[in-house]
Amino acid sequence: MDGLKSISRVTAETGISSRTLRYWEEAGLVQSTRDIQSGWRLYDEEAMHRIAVIEVLRRLGLSVGDIGAVLEGRSSEVLLRTLQKQLGKLQDMTADVGLRADTIAELIDTIQNEPSY
């Protein structure tokens, strides 16, 4: 098991649940090898690197599909397009939150100025 880490060790080191790791593996984002005797999943350094990249991209809100495209594309162009798309989504969400906040503020003002509401 030189350089290989068990799924329990990976979860302890990264804080990522074993369920999430198995899901990422099923989705094709990361690969493990199997210990012949125990059947346990084992992760090498390349897998650990991919897990770190996946974790960062998930924190940025990228979908599993987009992460797969980034990992498969392995180019700065694919990453750039994906990040630009995500930035646009976040900007749209920010605008929507701003509109909701304005509407709530107006409602509060209306309620405070019309006690019979």
N, C-alpha and C. Protein backbone atom coordinates (compact mmCIF):
# COMPACT_ATOMS: atom_id res chain seq x y z
N MET A 1 0.82 -1.21 0.00
CA MET A 1 0.00 0.00 0.00
C MET A 1 0.86 1.27 0.00
N ASP A 2 2.07 1.18 -0.58
CA ASP A 2 2.95 2.33 -0.64
C ASP A 2 2.29 3.48 -1.38
N GLY A 3 2.16 4.62 -0.70
CA GLY A 3 1.59 5.80 -1.31
C GLY A 3 0.10 5.76 -1.53
N LEU A 4 -0.53 4.67 -1.21
CA LEU A 4 -1.98 4.56 -1.38
C LEU A 4 -2.68 4.86 -0.06
N LYS A 5 -3.80 5.52 -0.15
CA LYS A 5 -4.56 5.89 1.04
C LYS A 5 -5.93 5.24 0.97
N SER A 6 -6.35 4.71 2.10
CA SER A 6 -7.68 4.12 2.18
C SER A 6 -8.73 5.22 2.17
N ILE A 7 -9.95 4.84 1.86
CA ILE A 7 -11.03 5.83 1.82
C ILE A 7 -11.22 6.47 3.20
N SER A 8 -11.03 5.70 4.27
CA SER A 8 -11.19 6.27 5.61
C SER A 8 -10.09 7.30 5.89
N ARG A 9 -8.90 7.04 5.40
CA ARG A 9 -7.81 8.02 5.60
C ARG A 9 -8.06 9.28 4.77
N VAL A 10 -8.55 9.10 3.56
CA VAL A 10 -8.85 10.26 2.70
C VAL A 10 -9.94 11.11 3.35
N THR A 11 -10.97 10.48 3.87
CA THR A 11 -12.05 11.24 4.51
C THR A 11 -11.52 11.97 5.74
N ALA A 12 -10.63 11.34 6.49
CA ALA A 12 -10.07 11.98 7.69
C ALA A 12 -9.20 13.18 7.31
N GLU A 13 -8.44 13.04 6.24
CA GLU A 13 -7.54 14.12 5.82
C GLU A 13 -8.25 15.27 5.12
N THR A 14 -9.32 14.97 4.40
CA THR A 14 -9.96 16.00 3.58
C THR A 14 -11.28 16.52 4.16
N GLY A 15 -11.91 15.73 5.00
CA GLY A 15 -13.23 16.10 5.50
C GLY A 15 -14.35 15.78 4.52
N ILE A 16 -14.00 15.16 3.42
CA ILE A 16 -14.99 14.76 2.41
C ILE A 16 -15.53 13.39 2.82
N SER A 17 -16.83 13.24 2.81
CA SER A 17 -17.42 11.98 3.25
C SER A 17 -17.11 10.84 2.27
N SER A 18 -17.12 9.64 2.78
CA SER A 18 -16.89 8.48 1.92
C SER A 18 -18.01 8.36 0.89
N ARG A 19 -19.20 8.74 1.28
CA ARG A 19 -20.33 8.71 0.33
C ARG A 19 -20.06 9.64 -0.86
N THR A 20 -19.55 10.83 -0.56
CA THR A 20 -19.23 11.79 -1.62
C THR A 20 -18.12 11.26 -2.51
N LEU A 21 -17.10 10.67 -1.91
CA LEU A 21 -16.01 10.10 -2.70
C LEU A 21 -16.51 9.00 -3.63
N ARG A 22 -17.39 8.15 -3.10
CA ARG A 22 -17.94 7.09 -3.94
C ARG A 22 -18.80 7.67 -5.07
N TYR A 23 -19.55 8.73 -4.77
CA TYR A 23 -20.36 9.40 -5.80
C TYR A 23 -19.46 9.99 -6.88
N TRP A 24 -18.39 10.67 -6.47
CA TRP A 24 -17.47 11.24 -7.45
C TRP A 24 -16.85 10.14 -8.30
N GLU A 25 -16.59 9.01 -7.69
CA GLU A 25 -16.02 7.89 -8.44
C GLU A 25 -17.05 7.36 -9.45
N GLU A 26 -18.29 7.21 -9.02
CA GLU A 26 -19.35 6.74 -9.92
C GLU A 26 -19.56 7.71 -11.08
N ALA A 27 -19.36 9.01 -10.80
CA ALA A 27 -19.53 10.04 -11.83
C ALA A 27 -18.31 10.14 -12.75
N GLY A 28 -17.26 9.39 -12.44
CA GLY A 28 -16.08 9.38 -13.28
C GLY A 28 -15.10 10.51 -13.01
N LEU A 29 -15.27 11.21 -11.89
CA LEU A 29 -14.38 12.33 -11.58
C LEU A 29 -13.04 11.87 -11.01
N VAL A 30 -13.06 10.77 -10.29
CA VAL A 30 -11.85 10.27 -9.64
C VAL A 30 -11.86 8.75 -9.71
N GLN A 31 -10.68 8.16 -9.69
CA GLN A 31 -10.59 6.70 -9.74
C GLN A 31 -9.81 6.20 -8.54
N SER A 32 -10.23 5.07 -8.04
CA SER A 32 -9.49 4.40 -6.99
C SER A 32 -9.08 3.02 -7.50
N THR A 33 -8.17 2.43 -6.78
CA THR A 33 -7.85 1.03 -7.05
C THR A 33 -8.44 0.24 -5.89
N ARG A 34 -8.49 -1.06 -6.05
CA ARG A 34 -9.05 -1.90 -4.99
C ARG A 34 -7.96 -2.77 -4.39
N ASP A 35 -7.96 -2.85 -3.07
CA ASP A 35 -7.08 -3.79 -2.40
C ASP A 35 -7.60 -5.19 -2.69
N ILE A 36 -6.74 -6.06 -3.17
CA ILE A 36 -7.14 -7.41 -3.58
C ILE A 36 -7.73 -8.20 -2.41
N GLN A 37 -7.13 -8.08 -1.25
CA GLN A 37 -7.59 -8.88 -0.12
C GLN A 37 -8.86 -8.33 0.53
N SER A 38 -8.90 -7.02 0.77
CA SER A 38 -10.03 -6.45 1.50
C SER A 38 -11.12 -5.89 0.59
N GLY A 39 -10.76 -5.53 -0.64
CA GLY A 39 -11.72 -4.89 -1.53
C GLY A 39 -11.88 -3.40 -1.27
N TRP A 40 -11.11 -2.86 -0.32
CA TRP A 40 -11.20 -1.44 0.02
C TRP A 40 -10.71 -0.57 -1.13
N ARG A 41 -11.34 0.59 -1.22
CA ARG A 41 -10.87 1.58 -2.20
C ARG A 41 -9.57 2.18 -1.69
N LEU A 42 -8.64 2.37 -2.62
CA LEU A 42 -7.36 2.99 -2.29
C LEU A 42 -7.09 4.10 -3.30
N TYR A 43 -6.59 5.21 -2.80
CA TYR A 43 -6.37 6.39 -3.64
C TYR A 43 -4.89 6.71 -3.71
N ASP A 44 -4.38 6.91 -4.95
CA ASP A 44 -2.98 7.27 -5.13
C ASP A 44 -2.83 8.80 -5.16
N GLU A 45 -1.61 9.26 -5.38
CA GLU A 45 -1.35 10.71 -5.36
C GLU A 45 -2.12 11.45 -6.45
N GLU A 46 -2.25 10.86 -7.63
CA GLU A 46 -3.02 11.50 -8.70
C GLU A 46 -4.48 11.66 -8.28
N ALA A 47 -5.03 10.63 -7.68
CA ALA A 47 -6.42 10.71 -7.21
C ALA A 47 -6.56 11.77 -6.13
N MET A 48 -5.57 11.85 -5.24
CA MET A 48 -5.62 12.85 -4.17
C MET A 48 -5.57 14.27 -4.76
N HIS A 49 -4.78 14.44 -5.80
CA HIS A 49 -4.72 15.74 -6.47
C HIS A 49 -6.07 16.07 -7.10
N ARG A 50 -6.66 15.11 -7.79
CA ARG A 50 -7.97 15.33 -8.41
C ARG A 50 -9.03 15.64 -7.36
N ILE A 51 -8.99 14.94 -6.23
CA ILE A 51 -9.94 15.20 -5.15
C ILE A 51 -9.81 16.63 -4.66
N ALA A 52 -8.58 17.12 -4.53
CA ALA A 52 -8.37 18.51 -4.09
C ALA A 52 -8.94 19.50 -5.11
N VAL A 53 -8.73 19.23 -6.39
CA VAL A 53 -9.25 20.11 -7.44
C VAL A 53 -10.78 20.07 -7.44
N ILE A 54 -11.34 18.88 -7.35
CA ILE A 54 -12.79 18.72 -7.33
C ILE A 54 -13.39 19.49 -6.15
N GLU A 55 -12.76 19.37 -5.01
CA GLU A 55 -13.27 20.05 -3.81
C GLU A 55 -13.31 21.57 -4.00
N VAL A 56 -12.26 22.13 -4.58
CA VAL A 56 -12.23 23.58 -4.83
C VAL A 56 -13.33 23.97 -5.81
N LEU A 57 -13.47 23.21 -6.89
CA LEU A 57 -14.48 23.54 -7.90
C LEU A 57 -15.89 23.39 -7.34
N ARG A 58 -16.12 22.41 -6.47
CA ARG A 58 -17.44 22.26 -5.84
C ARG A 58 -17.74 23.46 -4.94
N ARG A 59 -16.71 23.93 -4.21
CA ARG A 59 -16.91 25.10 -3.34
C ARG A 59 -17.28 26.34 -4.15
N LEU A 60 -16.84 26.36 -5.41
CA LEU A 60 -17.19 27.48 -6.29
C LEU A 60 -18.57 27.30 -6.90
N GLY A 61 -19.22 26.19 -6.59
CA GLY A 61 -20.58 25.96 -7.04
C GLY A 61 -20.70 25.28 -8.38
N LEU A 62 -19.61 24.76 -8.93
CA LEU A 62 -19.69 24.08 -10.21
C LEU A 62 -20.39 22.74 -10.06
N SER A 63 -21.13 22.39 -11.07
CA SER A 63 -21.84 21.11 -11.08
C SER A 63 -20.84 19.98 -11.32
N VAL A 64 -21.26 18.77 -11.00
CA VAL A 64 -20.42 17.60 -11.25
C VAL A 64 -20.13 17.49 -12.75
N GLY A 65 -21.11 17.77 -13.57
CA GLY A 65 -20.91 17.74 -15.02
C GLY A 65 -19.87 18.73 -15.49
N ASP A 66 -19.93 19.95 -14.97
CA ASP A 66 -18.94 20.96 -15.34
C ASP A 66 -17.55 20.58 -14.84
N ILE A 67 -17.48 20.02 -13.64
CA ILE A 67 -16.19 19.59 -13.11
C ILE A 67 -15.62 18.49 -13.99
N GLY A 68 -16.46 17.57 -14.41
CA GLY A 68 -16.02 16.51 -15.31
C GLY A 68 -15.45 17.07 -16.60
N ALA A 69 -16.11 18.08 -17.14
CA ALA A 69 -15.63 18.70 -18.38
C ALA A 69 -14.28 19.37 -18.17
N VAL A 70 -14.12 20.03 -17.03
CA VAL A 70 -12.84 20.68 -16.72
C VAL A 70 -11.75 19.64 -16.59
N LEU A 71 -12.01 18.58 -15.83
CA LEU A 71 -11.00 17.56 -15.62
C LEU A 71 -10.68 16.82 -16.92
N GLU A 72 -11.69 16.59 -17.73
CA GLU A 72 -11.48 15.89 -18.99
C GLU A 72 -10.74 16.77 -19.99
N GLY A 73 -11.11 18.05 -20.01
CA GLY A 73 -10.50 18.97 -20.96
C GLY A 73 -9.05 19.28 -20.66
N ARG A 74 -8.72 19.31 -19.39
CA ARG A 74 -7.35 19.57 -18.94
C ARG A 74 -6.71 20.75 -19.67
N SER A 75 -7.48 21.80 -19.87
CA SER A 75 -6.91 22.98 -20.51
C SER A 75 -7.42 24.22 -19.79
N SER A 76 -6.61 25.25 -19.86
CA SER A 76 -7.02 26.50 -19.22
C SER A 76 -8.23 27.10 -19.93
N GLU A 77 -8.39 26.82 -21.22
CA GLU A 77 -9.53 27.36 -21.96
C GLU A 77 -10.85 26.78 -21.43
N VAL A 78 -10.88 25.48 -21.20
CA VAL A 78 -12.09 24.84 -20.67
C VAL A 78 -12.38 25.38 -19.28
N LEU A 79 -11.36 25.49 -18.46
CA LEU A 79 -11.54 26.02 -17.11
C LEU A 79 -12.02 27.46 -17.16
N LEU A 80 -11.44 28.26 -18.02
CA LEU A 80 -11.84 29.66 -18.15
C LEU A 80 -13.30 29.79 -18.57
N ARG A 81 -13.71 29.04 -19.59
CA ARG A 81 -15.11 29.09 -20.03
C ARG A 81 -16.06 28.66 -18.91
N THR A 82 -15.68 27.61 -18.19
CA THR A 82 -16.53 27.11 -17.11
C THR A 82 -16.63 28.13 -15.99
N LEU A 83 -15.52 28.75 -15.64
CA LEU A 83 -15.55 29.77 -14.57
C LEU A 83 -16.33 31.01 -15.00
N GLN A 84 -16.22 31.39 -16.27
CA GLN A 84 -16.99 32.53 -16.77
C GLN A 84 -18.48 32.24 -16.70
N LYS A 85 -18.85 31.02 -17.07
CA LYS A 85 -20.27 30.61 -16.99
C LYS A 85 -20.75 30.67 -15.55
N GLN A 86 -19.94 30.17 -14.63
CA GLN A 86 -20.32 30.18 -13.21
C GLN A 86 -20.41 31.61 -12.68
N LEU A 87 -19.49 32.47 -13.09
CA LEU A 87 -19.53 33.86 -12.66
C LEU A 87 -20.82 34.52 -13.13
N GLY A 88 -21.23 34.24 -14.37
CA GLY A 88 -22.49 34.79 -14.87
C GLY A 88 -23.68 34.33 -14.04
N LYS A 89 -23.69 33.05 -13.67
CA LYS A 89 -24.77 32.54 -12.82
C LYS A 89 -24.79 33.25 -11.48
N LEU A 90 -23.61 33.42 -10.89
CA LEU A 90 -23.54 34.09 -9.59
C LEU A 90 -23.97 35.55 -9.67
N GLN A 91 -23.61 36.21 -10.77
CA GLN A 91 -24.03 37.60 -10.95
C GLN A 91 -25.55 37.69 -11.10
N ASP A 92 -26.14 36.75 -11.83
CA ASP A 92 -27.59 36.72 -11.95
C ASP A 92 -28.24 36.49 -10.59
N MET A 93 -27.68 35.57 -9.81
CA MET A 93 -28.22 35.29 -8.48
C MET A 93 -28.10 36.52 -7.58
N THR A 94 -26.99 37.23 -7.68
CA THR A 94 -26.78 38.44 -6.88
C THR A 94 -27.82 39.49 -7.23
N ALA A 95 -28.07 39.66 -8.51
CA ALA A 95 -29.09 40.63 -8.94
C ALA A 95 -30.46 40.23 -8.41
N ASP A 96 -30.77 38.94 -8.48
CA ASP A 96 -32.06 38.45 -7.99
C ASP A 96 -32.19 38.69 -6.49
N VAL A 97 -31.14 38.42 -5.75
CA VAL A 97 -31.17 38.65 -4.30
C VAL A 97 -31.37 40.13 -4.01
N GLY A 98 -30.72 40.99 -4.79
CA GLY A 98 -30.89 42.44 -4.62
C GLY A 98 -32.34 42.86 -4.84
N LEU A 99 -32.97 42.31 -5.87
CA LEU A 99 -34.38 42.64 -6.13
C LEU A 99 -35.28 42.15 -5.00
N ARG A 100 -35.02 40.97 -4.49
CA ARG A 100 -35.80 40.45 -3.37
C ARG A 100 -35.63 41.31 -2.14
N ALA A 101 -34.39 41.72 -1.87
CA ALA A 101 -34.13 42.57 -0.70
C ALA A 101 -34.86 43.89 -0.83
N ASP A 102 -34.84 44.48 -2.02
CA ASP A 102 -35.56 45.75 -2.24
C ASP A 102 -37.05 45.57 -2.03
N THR A 103 -37.61 44.48 -2.53
CA THR A 103 -39.04 44.21 -2.37
C THR A 103 -39.40 44.04 -0.89
N ILE A 104 -38.58 43.31 -0.17
CA ILE A 104 -38.84 43.12 1.27
C ILE A 104 -38.75 44.45 2.00
N ALA A 105 -37.76 45.27 1.67
CA ALA A 105 -37.62 46.57 2.32
C ALA A 105 -38.85 47.45 2.06
N GLU A 106 -39.35 47.42 0.82
CA GLU A 106 -40.56 48.18 0.48
C GLU A 106 -41.77 47.67 1.27
N LEU A 107 -41.90 46.35 1.38
CA LEU A 107 -43.00 45.78 2.14
C LEU A 107 -42.92 46.18 3.61
N ILE A 108 -41.74 46.12 4.17
CA ILE A 108 -41.56 46.52 5.57
C ILE A 108 -41.96 47.98 5.75
N ASP A 109 -41.52 48.83 4.83
CA ASP A 109 -41.86 50.25 4.90
C ASP A 109 -43.36 50.46 4.80
N THR A 110 -44.00 49.73 3.89
CA THR A 110 -45.45 49.84 3.73
C THR A 110 -46.17 49.41 5.00
N ILE A 111 -45.76 48.31 5.57
CA ILE A 111 -46.39 47.79 6.78
C ILE A 111 -46.20 48.75 7.95
N GLN A 112 -45.02 49.31 8.08
CA GLN A 112 -44.75 50.24 9.18
C GLN A 112 -45.51 51.54 9.04
N ASN A 113 -45.77 51.95 7.82
CA ASN A 113 -46.47 53.22 7.59
C ASN A 113 -47.97 53.07 7.49
N GLU A 114 -48.46 51.85 7.43
CA GLU A 114 -49.89 51.59 7.40
C GLU A 114 -50.24 50.58 8.49
N PRO A 115 -50.42 51.04 9.71
CA PRO A 115 -50.65 50.14 10.83
C PRO A 115 -51.90 49.26 10.68
N SER A 116 -52.81 49.63 9.82
CA SER A 116 -54.03 48.83 9.67
C SER A 116 -53.80 47.60 8.79
N TYR A 117 -52.66 47.41 8.30
CA TYR A 117 -52.36 46.28 7.42
C TYR A 117 -52.58 45.02 8.17
